[in-house]
């Protein structure tokens, strides 16, 4: 009678002839590095890790992997910058990675000025739209201290926000390019 082989033994026999090329090994290693960077980024953004913990984690890696993870982490931080807030934590991470960059402080100030101006303009547009809606309601005989228009569904306000975001977004993209050039 013949010997009965386990599934693992059969699989080992079949894969024994298969070899991974150097190119495939590099590709697999690169994917692992990118996954590591994405994992660190997600944990950082969610507040589970501090910048110092991230830097310590990167220092533990071999030099080539550390370089790739650091670059990818930096790129993800820059890409995540948006007009919707949360920039403080992202900028803190960028600053930790690019400490020696001479132009960083100017770019940082530009970014925070843009975000502040964008938020103020957004609030101004919302106030103006609310006042206009209150006037419209008053003309229709609806008024009083309890009357507050629901501005969430306002197409006019939504369009104004989109116009504002388009203008500010273009400036934000320019700031992101400056950060990437550091």
Protein backbone atom coordinates (compact mmCIF):
# COMPACT_ATOMS: atom_id res chain seq x y z
CA UNK A 1 0.00 0.00 0.00
CA UNK A 2 1.10 3.52 -0.77
CA UNK A 3 1.80 6.19 1.78
CA UNK A 4 -1.04 8.64 2.50
CA UNK A 5 0.17 12.25 2.35
CA UNK A 6 -1.36 15.13 4.23
CA UNK A 7 -2.64 18.21 2.49
CA UNK A 8 0.32 20.18 3.79
CA UNK A 9 2.77 17.65 2.35
CA UNK A 10 1.01 17.77 -1.01
CA UNK A 11 1.05 21.56 -1.01
CA UNK A 12 4.74 21.61 -0.08
CA UNK A 13 5.57 19.25 -2.96
CA UNK A 14 3.69 21.45 -5.44
CA UNK A 15 5.16 24.71 -4.24
CA UNK A 16 8.69 23.37 -4.03
CA UNK A 17 9.12 24.00 -7.73
CA UNK A 18 7.75 27.54 -7.49
CA UNK A 19 10.19 30.30 -6.73
CA UNK A 20 9.50 33.97 -6.22
CA UNK A 21 11.55 36.22 -8.49
CA UNK A 22 13.61 39.05 -7.06
CA UNK A 23 11.23 41.53 -8.64
CA UNK A 24 8.26 39.88 -6.94
CA UNK A 25 10.12 39.88 -3.62
CA UNK A 26 10.77 43.62 -3.96
CA UNK A 27 7.14 44.23 -4.84
CA UNK A 28 5.95 42.26 -1.81
CA UNK A 29 8.38 44.13 0.43
CA UNK A 30 7.20 47.47 -0.97
CA UNK A 31 3.56 46.55 -0.30
CA UNK A 32 4.46 45.59 3.27
CA UNK A 33 6.18 48.95 3.75
CA UNK A 34 3.19 50.84 2.40
CA UNK A 35 0.86 48.85 4.66
CA UNK A 36 3.09 49.65 7.63
CA UNK A 37 2.97 53.37 6.77
CA UNK A 38 -0.81 53.26 6.32
CA UNK A 39 -1.21 51.49 9.65
CA UNK A 40 0.92 54.07 11.43
CA UNK A 41 -0.95 56.88 9.71
CA UNK A 42 -4.37 55.53 10.71
CA UNK A 43 -3.30 54.94 14.30
CA UNK A 44 -1.81 58.46 14.44
CA UNK A 45 -4.84 60.21 12.95
CA UNK A 46 -7.19 58.30 15.26
CA UNK A 47 -5.10 59.45 18.24
CA UNK A 48 -3.82 56.01 19.26
CA UNK A 49 -0.15 56.98 18.75
CA UNK A 50 1.79 60.18 19.34
CA UNK A 51 4.34 61.63 16.96
CA UNK A 52 7.17 60.47 19.21
CA UNK A 53 5.79 56.92 19.25
CA UNK A 54 5.60 56.97 15.45
CA UNK A 55 9.21 58.16 15.18
CA UNK A 56 10.36 55.46 17.62
CA UNK A 57 8.47 52.85 15.60
CA UNK A 58 10.14 54.04 12.39
CA UNK A 59 13.61 54.00 14.01
CA UNK A 60 13.14 50.31 14.87
CA UNK A 61 12.84 49.41 11.19
CA UNK A 62 15.74 48.60 8.91
CA UNK A 63 17.08 51.77 7.19
CA UNK A 64 15.55 51.13 3.76
CA UNK A 65 12.14 50.26 5.19
CA UNK A 66 12.31 53.21 7.60
CA UNK A 67 12.99 55.60 4.72
CA UNK A 68 10.07 54.28 2.66
CA UNK A 69 7.67 54.24 5.62
CA UNK A 70 8.69 57.75 6.65
CA UNK A 71 8.19 59.10 3.11
CA UNK A 72 4.83 57.36 2.73
CA UNK A 73 3.67 58.50 6.17
CA UNK A 74 4.67 62.08 5.32
CA UNK A 75 2.86 61.89 1.99
CA UNK A 76 -0.31 60.58 3.66
CA UNK A 77 -0.19 63.42 6.21
CA UNK A 78 0.07 66.03 3.46
CA UNK A 79 -2.67 64.38 1.39
CA UNK A 80 -5.01 64.32 4.41
CA UNK A 81 -4.88 68.10 4.91
CA UNK A 82 -8.28 69.54 4.17
CA UNK A 83 -10.42 72.60 4.72
CA UNK A 84 -12.66 70.66 7.13
CA UNK A 85 -10.39 70.93 10.15
CA UNK A 86 -8.14 68.49 11.95
CA UNK A 87 -5.06 70.10 10.45
CA UNK A 88 -3.34 70.68 13.79
CA UNK A 89 -2.56 67.00 14.35
CA UNK A 90 -1.49 66.53 10.73
CA UNK A 91 0.80 69.55 10.84
CA UNK A 92 2.30 68.30 14.11
CA UNK A 93 3.21 65.07 12.35
CA UNK A 94 4.60 66.85 9.30
CA UNK A 95 6.66 69.14 11.51
CA UNK A 96 8.14 66.18 13.41
CA UNK A 97 9.23 64.57 10.15
CA UNK A 98 10.59 67.76 8.58
CA UNK A 99 12.11 69.49 11.63
CA UNK A 100 15.09 70.94 9.81
CA UNK A 101 13.11 72.44 6.91
CA UNK A 102 13.72 76.19 6.91
CA UNK A 103 10.53 77.20 5.08
CA UNK A 104 8.23 75.04 7.20
CA UNK A 105 7.13 77.81 9.57
CA UNK A 106 6.12 80.09 6.68
CA UNK A 107 4.12 77.30 5.06
CA UNK A 108 2.54 76.43 8.40
CA UNK A 109 1.45 80.03 8.93
CA UNK A 110 0.06 80.19 5.40
CA UNK A 111 -1.95 77.02 6.00
CA UNK A 112 -3.42 78.14 9.31
CA UNK A 113 -4.20 81.57 7.87
CA UNK A 114 -6.02 79.89 4.97
CA UNK A 115 -7.97 77.59 7.29
CA UNK A 116 -8.91 80.46 9.60
CA UNK A 117 -9.98 82.68 6.71
CA UNK A 118 -11.95 79.82 5.13
CA UNK A 119 -13.79 79.08 8.40
CA UNK A 120 -14.61 82.76 8.99
CA UNK A 121 -15.88 83.16 5.44
CA UNK A 122 -17.98 80.02 5.79
CA UNK A 123 -19.52 81.30 9.04
CA UNK A 124 -20.17 84.69 7.40
CA UNK A 125 -21.95 83.04 4.45
CA UNK A 126 -24.06 80.98 6.85
CA UNK A 127 -25.02 84.06 8.92
CA UNK A 128 -25.96 85.98 5.78
CA UNK A 129 -28.05 83.09 4.47
CA UNK A 130 -29.78 82.72 7.84
CA UNK A 131 -30.63 86.43 7.94
CA UNK A 132 -31.95 86.24 4.39
CA UNK A 133 -34.07 83.19 5.26
CA UNK A 134 -35.41 84.96 8.37
CA UNK A 135 -36.40 87.95 6.21
CA UNK A 136 -38.17 85.67 3.75
CA UNK A 137 -40.06 83.97 6.58
CA UNK A 138 -40.94 87.36 8.13
CA UNK A 139 -42.38 88.52 4.80
CA UNK A 140 -44.56 85.42 4.81
CA UNK A 141 -45.79 86.26 8.31
CA UNK A 142 -43.66 83.75 10.15
CA UNK A 143 -41.58 85.39 12.84
CA UNK A 144 -40.70 85.31 16.52
CA UNK A 145 -37.91 84.34 18.86
CA UNK A 146 -38.54 80.62 18.38
CA UNK A 147 -38.25 80.75 14.59
CA UNK A 148 -34.98 79.38 13.28
CA UNK A 149 -34.59 78.45 9.66
CA UNK A 150 -33.06 75.08 8.83
CA UNK A 151 -30.13 75.97 6.59
CA UNK A 152 -28.93 72.40 6.00
CA UNK A 153 -31.10 71.95 2.93
CA UNK A 154 -30.41 75.35 1.41
CA UNK A 155 -29.20 74.92 -2.17
CA UNK A 156 -28.12 78.56 -2.32
CA UNK A 157 -25.92 78.17 0.75
CA UNK A 158 -24.58 74.85 -0.51
CA UNK A 159 -23.57 76.50 -3.81
CA UNK A 160 -21.85 79.34 -1.96
CA UNK A 161 -19.95 76.83 0.19
CA UNK A 162 -18.86 74.95 -2.94
CA UNK A 163 -17.59 78.19 -4.54
CA UNK A 164 -15.71 79.05 -1.36
CA UNK A 165 -14.24 75.54 -1.14
CA UNK A 166 -13.11 75.69 -4.78
CA UNK A 167 -11.19 78.92 -4.22
CA UNK A 168 -9.71 77.85 -0.89
CA UNK A 169 -9.04 74.34 -2.22
CA UNK A 170 -6.82 75.70 -4.98
CA UNK A 171 -4.75 77.61 -2.41
CA UNK A 172 -4.62 74.50 -0.20
CA UNK A 173 -3.26 72.44 -3.10
CA UNK A 174 -0.51 75.03 -3.57
CA UNK A 175 0.40 74.75 0.13
CA UNK A 176 0.44 70.94 -0.15
CA UNK A 177 2.87 71.21 -3.07
CA UNK A 178 5.13 73.45 -1.00
CA UNK A 179 5.05 70.91 1.84
CA UNK A 180 5.91 68.07 -0.52
CA UNK A 181 8.91 70.06 -1.76
CA UNK A 182 10.38 70.31 1.76
